[in-house]
């Protein structure tokens, strides 16, 4: 699979290529794990396997990833469930939309119960 280096996000898989933040080349440990993670995704729009893969930490040290994201603020776009790209148009991350929806529902429900 072809790899394209970009200056935003962390890593994303598309049908014919993977986009990885070019600054990850300076962090070989994180780079290898992100690449392995993206290669593990399927080409389907949604699968439970992909959702579980995104919920798994993939062996990436969260503190190291957090430091990378702070040093490279454009990588924070990875946290957005909907982004815009000149090349791809609107990009919807179905897994993030589902995860964020569950979090919002749980927070709303617990807030309702607490009140």
N, C-alpha and C. Protein backbone atom coordinates (compact mmCIF):
# COMPACT_ATOMS: atom_id res chain seq x y z
N UNK A 1 0.85 -1.18 0.00
CA UNK A 1 0.00 0.00 0.00
C UNK A 1 0.90 1.24 0.00
N UNK A 2 0.53 2.21 -0.80
CA UNK A 2 1.29 3.45 -0.93
C UNK A 2 1.11 4.32 0.31
N UNK A 3 2.20 4.99 0.71
CA UNK A 3 2.16 5.88 1.87
C UNK A 3 2.40 7.31 1.39
N UNK A 4 1.52 8.22 1.80
CA UNK A 4 1.68 9.64 1.51
C UNK A 4 1.92 10.36 2.83
N UNK A 5 2.89 11.26 2.81
CA UNK A 5 3.21 12.02 4.01
C UNK A 5 2.52 13.37 3.95
N UNK A 6 1.84 13.71 5.05
CA UNK A 6 1.08 14.95 5.15
C UNK A 6 1.53 15.70 6.40
N UNK A 7 1.09 16.95 6.54
CA UNK A 7 1.50 17.73 7.71
C UNK A 7 0.36 17.91 8.71
N UNK A 8 -0.65 17.06 8.64
CA UNK A 8 -1.78 17.15 9.56
C UNK A 8 -2.16 15.74 10.03
N UNK A 9 -2.94 15.68 11.08
CA UNK A 9 -3.40 14.39 11.59
C UNK A 9 -2.25 13.53 12.08
N UNK A 10 -2.54 12.27 12.27
CA UNK A 10 -1.52 11.29 12.66
C UNK A 10 -1.43 10.22 11.59
N UNK A 11 -2.53 9.54 11.33
CA UNK A 11 -2.55 8.52 10.30
C UNK A 11 -3.97 8.20 9.88
N UNK A 12 -4.18 8.03 8.59
CA UNK A 12 -5.50 7.68 8.06
C UNK A 12 -5.34 6.73 6.89
N UNK A 13 -6.23 5.74 6.83
CA UNK A 13 -6.20 4.78 5.73
C UNK A 13 -7.32 5.10 4.75
N UNK A 14 -6.96 5.08 3.49
CA UNK A 14 -7.92 5.23 2.40
C UNK A 14 -7.86 3.95 1.56
N UNK A 15 -8.71 3.84 0.56
CA UNK A 15 -8.76 2.62 -0.25
C UNK A 15 -7.40 2.27 -0.86
N UNK A 16 -6.71 3.28 -1.38
CA UNK A 16 -5.50 3.00 -2.15
C UNK A 16 -4.21 3.50 -1.51
N UNK A 17 -4.30 4.17 -0.37
CA UNK A 17 -3.09 4.68 0.28
C UNK A 17 -3.33 4.97 1.75
N UNK A 18 -2.23 5.20 2.45
CA UNK A 18 -2.27 5.60 3.85
C UNK A 18 -1.61 6.96 3.95
N UNK A 19 -2.25 7.88 4.67
CA UNK A 19 -1.64 9.17 4.94
C UNK A 19 -1.09 9.15 6.36
N UNK A 20 0.19 9.54 6.49
CA UNK A 20 0.84 9.60 7.80
C UNK A 20 1.51 10.96 7.94
N UNK A 21 1.41 11.52 9.13
CA UNK A 21 2.05 12.80 9.40
C UNK A 21 3.56 12.67 9.19
N UNK A 22 4.09 13.54 8.35
CA UNK A 22 5.52 13.47 8.01
C UNK A 22 6.42 13.67 9.22
N UNK A 23 5.95 14.37 10.24
CA UNK A 23 6.75 14.60 11.44
C UNK A 23 6.95 13.33 12.27
N UNK A 24 6.13 12.30 12.01
CA UNK A 24 6.30 11.04 12.71
C UNK A 24 7.59 10.33 12.31
N UNK A 25 8.17 10.73 11.20
CA UNK A 25 9.45 10.14 10.80
C UNK A 25 10.53 10.44 11.84
N UNK A 26 10.35 11.51 12.62
CA UNK A 26 11.28 11.85 13.70
C UNK A 26 11.01 11.05 14.97
N UNK A 27 9.95 10.28 14.97
CA UNK A 27 9.54 9.46 16.12
C UNK A 27 9.33 8.02 15.62
N UNK A 28 10.41 7.30 15.33
CA UNK A 28 10.28 5.98 14.69
C UNK A 28 9.44 4.97 15.47
N UNK A 29 9.46 5.04 16.79
CA UNK A 29 8.66 4.10 17.59
C UNK A 29 7.16 4.32 17.35
N UNK A 30 6.73 5.57 17.40
CA UNK A 30 5.32 5.88 17.16
C UNK A 30 4.98 5.61 15.69
N UNK A 31 5.87 6.00 14.78
CA UNK A 31 5.64 5.82 13.34
C UNK A 31 5.33 4.36 13.01
N UNK A 32 6.15 3.44 13.52
CA UNK A 32 5.96 2.01 13.22
C UNK A 32 4.60 1.53 13.72
N UNK A 33 4.23 1.97 14.92
CA UNK A 33 2.97 1.51 15.51
C UNK A 33 1.77 2.11 14.79
N UNK A 34 1.88 3.37 14.37
CA UNK A 34 0.79 4.00 13.62
C UNK A 34 0.64 3.31 12.27
N UNK A 35 1.74 3.03 11.60
CA UNK A 35 1.68 2.36 10.31
C UNK A 35 1.07 0.97 10.44
N UNK A 36 1.49 0.23 11.46
CA UNK A 36 0.93 -1.10 11.69
C UNK A 36 -0.57 -1.00 11.96
N UNK A 37 -0.97 0.00 12.75
CA UNK A 37 -2.39 0.21 13.06
C UNK A 37 -3.18 0.48 11.78
N UNK A 38 -2.69 1.38 10.96
CA UNK A 38 -3.42 1.74 9.73
C UNK A 38 -3.47 0.57 8.75
N UNK A 39 -2.41 -0.21 8.67
CA UNK A 39 -2.40 -1.38 7.79
C UNK A 39 -3.39 -2.44 8.27
N UNK A 40 -3.71 -2.44 9.55
CA UNK A 40 -4.64 -3.43 10.11
C UNK A 40 -6.10 -3.12 9.78
N UNK A 41 -6.39 -1.88 9.38
CA UNK A 41 -7.76 -1.51 9.03
C UNK A 41 -8.19 -2.15 7.73
N UNK A 42 -9.48 -2.39 7.59
CA UNK A 42 -10.04 -2.92 6.34
C UNK A 42 -10.41 -1.76 5.42
N UNK A 43 -10.80 -2.07 4.21
CA UNK A 43 -11.22 -1.05 3.26
C UNK A 43 -12.72 -0.78 3.33
N UNK A 44 -13.41 -1.45 4.23
CA UNK A 44 -14.85 -1.26 4.39
C UNK A 44 -15.15 0.07 5.06
N UNK A 45 -16.35 0.60 4.84
CA UNK A 45 -16.74 1.86 5.47
C UNK A 45 -16.83 1.68 6.98
N UNK A 46 -17.42 0.57 7.42
CA UNK A 46 -17.52 0.30 8.85
C UNK A 46 -17.46 -1.20 9.09
N UNK A 47 -16.65 -1.61 10.05
CA UNK A 47 -16.67 -2.98 10.56
C UNK A 47 -16.44 -2.92 12.06
N UNK A 48 -16.96 -3.91 12.74
CA UNK A 48 -16.75 -3.99 14.18
C UNK A 48 -15.26 -4.17 14.47
N UNK A 49 -14.57 -4.93 13.60
CA UNK A 49 -13.12 -5.14 13.77
C UNK A 49 -12.39 -3.80 13.77
N UNK A 50 -12.76 -2.91 12.83
CA UNK A 50 -12.12 -1.60 12.77
C UNK A 50 -12.44 -0.75 13.99
N UNK A 51 -13.68 -0.83 14.47
CA UNK A 51 -14.06 -0.09 15.67
C UNK A 51 -13.25 -0.57 16.87
N UNK A 52 -13.15 -1.88 17.04
CA UNK A 52 -12.37 -2.42 18.15
C UNK A 52 -10.89 -2.08 18.01
N UNK A 53 -10.40 -2.04 16.78
CA UNK A 53 -9.01 -1.65 16.54
C UNK A 53 -8.77 -0.22 16.98
N UNK A 54 -9.72 0.67 16.70
CA UNK A 54 -9.58 2.08 17.11
C UNK A 54 -9.72 2.26 18.62
N UNK A 55 -10.47 1.38 19.27
CA UNK A 55 -10.61 1.46 20.72
C UNK A 55 -9.37 0.91 21.43
N UNK A 56 -8.62 0.05 20.74
CA UNK A 56 -7.39 -0.52 21.29
C UNK A 56 -6.27 0.52 21.19
N UNK A 57 -5.33 0.47 22.11
CA UNK A 57 -4.25 1.47 22.09
C UNK A 57 -3.16 1.14 21.09
N UNK A 58 -3.18 -0.03 20.47
CA UNK A 58 -2.21 -0.45 19.45
C UNK A 58 -0.77 -0.41 19.95
N UNK A 59 -0.57 -0.44 21.25
CA UNK A 59 0.77 -0.45 21.81
C UNK A 59 1.48 0.90 21.78
N UNK A 60 0.78 1.94 21.40
CA UNK A 60 1.37 3.27 21.34
C UNK A 60 1.37 3.88 22.74
N UNK A 61 2.51 4.37 23.16
CA UNK A 61 2.61 5.04 24.45
C UNK A 61 1.83 6.35 24.37
N UNK A 62 0.77 6.44 25.13
CA UNK A 62 -0.12 7.62 25.06
C UNK A 62 0.60 8.91 25.44
N UNK A 63 1.51 8.84 26.39
CA UNK A 63 2.25 10.03 26.79
C UNK A 63 3.15 10.51 25.64
N UNK A 64 3.82 9.59 24.96
CA UNK A 64 4.65 9.96 23.81
C UNK A 64 3.80 10.55 22.69
N UNK A 65 2.63 9.95 22.46
CA UNK A 65 1.73 10.46 21.42
C UNK A 65 1.22 11.85 21.79
N UNK A 66 0.89 12.05 23.06
CA UNK A 66 0.43 13.36 23.53
C UNK A 66 1.52 14.41 23.33
N UNK A 67 2.77 14.07 23.68
CA UNK A 67 3.88 14.99 23.47
C UNK A 67 4.05 15.33 22.00
N UNK A 68 3.91 14.32 21.13
CA UNK A 68 4.00 14.56 19.69
C UNK A 68 2.92 15.53 19.24
N UNK A 69 1.71 15.32 19.73
CA UNK A 69 0.59 16.17 19.31
C UNK A 69 0.75 17.61 19.81
N UNK A 70 1.32 17.79 20.98
CA UNK A 70 1.56 19.14 21.50
C UNK A 70 2.63 19.84 20.68
N UNK A 71 3.68 19.11 20.31
CA UNK A 71 4.76 19.69 19.51
C UNK A 71 4.35 19.92 18.06
N UNK A 72 3.34 19.21 17.61
CA UNK A 72 2.85 19.31 16.23
C UNK A 72 1.34 19.55 16.26
N UNK A 73 0.91 20.79 16.52
CA UNK A 73 -0.51 21.07 16.73
C UNK A 73 -1.43 20.68 15.57
N UNK A 74 -0.91 20.65 14.36
CA UNK A 74 -1.76 20.25 13.23
C UNK A 74 -2.17 18.78 13.32
N UNK A 75 -1.47 18.02 14.14
CA UNK A 75 -1.84 16.62 14.32
C UNK A 75 -3.12 16.48 15.13
N UNK A 76 -3.51 17.54 15.85
CA UNK A 76 -4.74 17.50 16.65
C UNK A 76 -5.99 17.33 15.78
N UNK A 77 -5.87 17.59 14.48
CA UNK A 77 -7.02 17.37 13.59
C UNK A 77 -7.43 15.90 13.56
N UNK A 78 -6.55 15.01 14.02
CA UNK A 78 -6.89 13.58 14.09
C UNK A 78 -8.05 13.34 15.06
N UNK A 79 -8.26 14.25 15.99
CA UNK A 79 -9.31 14.09 16.98
C UNK A 79 -10.69 14.51 16.48
N UNK A 80 -10.74 15.10 15.29
CA UNK A 80 -12.02 15.56 14.72
C UNK A 80 -12.69 14.42 13.96
N UNK A 81 -13.98 14.19 14.20
CA UNK A 81 -14.66 13.11 13.48
C UNK A 81 -14.98 13.46 12.03
N UNK A 82 -15.01 14.74 11.70
CA UNK A 82 -15.27 15.17 10.33
C UNK A 82 -14.21 16.21 9.97
N UNK A 83 -13.51 15.98 8.88
CA UNK A 83 -12.49 16.92 8.42
C UNK A 83 -12.68 17.18 6.94
N UNK A 84 -11.98 18.20 6.45
CA UNK A 84 -12.03 18.58 5.04
C UNK A 84 -10.64 18.44 4.44
N UNK A 85 -10.58 17.89 3.26
CA UNK A 85 -9.32 17.76 2.54
C UNK A 85 -9.56 18.19 1.10
N UNK A 86 -8.62 18.95 0.54
CA UNK A 86 -8.77 19.35 -0.86
C UNK A 86 -8.80 18.13 -1.77
N UNK A 87 -8.03 17.15 -1.41
CA UNK A 87 -7.92 15.95 -2.24
C UNK A 87 -9.13 15.03 -2.11
N UNK A 88 -9.67 14.88 -0.87
CA UNK A 88 -10.73 13.91 -0.60
C UNK A 88 -12.08 14.55 -0.29
N UNK A 89 -12.16 15.86 -0.15
CA UNK A 89 -13.40 16.51 0.26
C UNK A 89 -13.66 16.26 1.74
N UNK A 90 -14.93 16.13 2.12
CA UNK A 90 -15.25 15.84 3.51
C UNK A 90 -14.88 14.39 3.83
N UNK A 91 -14.22 14.21 4.96
CA UNK A 91 -13.83 12.88 5.41
C UNK A 91 -14.55 12.62 6.73
N UNK A 92 -15.31 11.53 6.77
CA UNK A 92 -16.07 11.16 7.96
C UNK A 92 -15.41 9.96 8.61
N UNK A 93 -15.06 10.08 9.87
CA UNK A 93 -14.52 8.95 10.61
C UNK A 93 -15.67 8.32 11.38
N UNK A 94 -16.25 7.28 10.81
CA UNK A 94 -17.42 6.64 11.39
C UNK A 94 -17.14 6.16 12.81
N UNK A 95 -15.96 5.59 13.03
CA UNK A 95 -15.62 5.09 14.36
C UNK A 95 -15.60 6.21 15.40
N UNK A 96 -15.00 7.34 15.05
CA UNK A 96 -14.98 8.46 16.00
C UNK A 96 -16.38 9.00 16.23
N UNK A 97 -17.18 9.07 15.20
CA UNK A 97 -18.56 9.55 15.36
C UNK A 97 -19.31 8.64 16.33
N UNK A 98 -19.15 7.33 16.20
CA UNK A 98 -19.81 6.39 17.11
C UNK A 98 -19.29 6.53 18.53
N UNK A 99 -17.98 6.61 18.69
CA UNK A 99 -17.38 6.72 20.02
C UNK A 99 -17.82 8.01 20.70
N UNK A 100 -17.75 9.13 19.99
CA UNK A 100 -18.17 10.41 20.56
C UNK A 100 -19.66 10.41 20.89
N UNK A 101 -20.47 9.77 20.05
CA UNK A 101 -21.91 9.70 20.30
C UNK A 101 -22.21 8.93 21.58
N UNK A 102 -21.53 7.81 21.78
CA UNK A 102 -21.72 7.03 23.01
C UNK A 102 -21.30 7.85 24.23
N UNK A 103 -20.19 8.55 24.12
CA UNK A 103 -19.73 9.38 25.25
C UNK A 103 -20.75 10.46 25.57
N UNK A 104 -21.26 11.13 24.56
CA UNK A 104 -22.25 12.20 24.77
C UNK A 104 -23.54 11.63 25.38
N UNK A 105 -23.98 10.49 24.89
CA UNK A 105 -25.19 9.86 25.43
C UNK A 105 -24.99 9.48 26.90
N UNK A 106 -23.83 8.89 27.21
CA UNK A 106 -23.57 8.51 28.60
C UNK A 106 -23.47 9.72 29.51
N UNK A 107 -22.79 10.77 29.07
CA UNK A 107 -22.69 11.99 29.87
C UNK A 107 -24.07 12.63 30.06
N UNK A 108 -24.86 12.66 29.00
CA UNK A 108 -26.21 13.23 29.10
C UNK A 108 -27.07 12.42 30.06
N UNK A 109 -26.99 11.12 29.94
CA UNK A 109 -27.79 10.24 30.80
C UNK A 109 -27.38 10.39 32.27
N UNK A 110 -26.09 10.38 32.56
CA UNK A 110 -25.65 10.50 33.94
C UNK A 110 -25.95 11.90 34.51
N UNK A 111 -25.87 12.92 33.67
CA UNK A 111 -26.24 14.27 34.11
C UNK A 111 -27.73 14.34 34.43
N UNK A 112 -28.55 13.72 33.56
CA UNK A 112 -29.99 13.69 33.79
C UNK A 112 -30.31 12.97 35.09
N UNK A 113 -29.69 11.83 35.32
CA UNK A 113 -29.92 11.06 36.54
C UNK A 113 -29.48 11.85 37.78
N UNK A 114 -28.34 12.55 37.66
CA UNK A 114 -27.81 13.32 38.80
C UNK A 114 -28.71 14.49 39.17
N UNK A 115 -29.40 15.05 38.20
CA UNK A 115 -30.26 16.20 38.47
C UNK A 115 -31.60 15.71 38.94
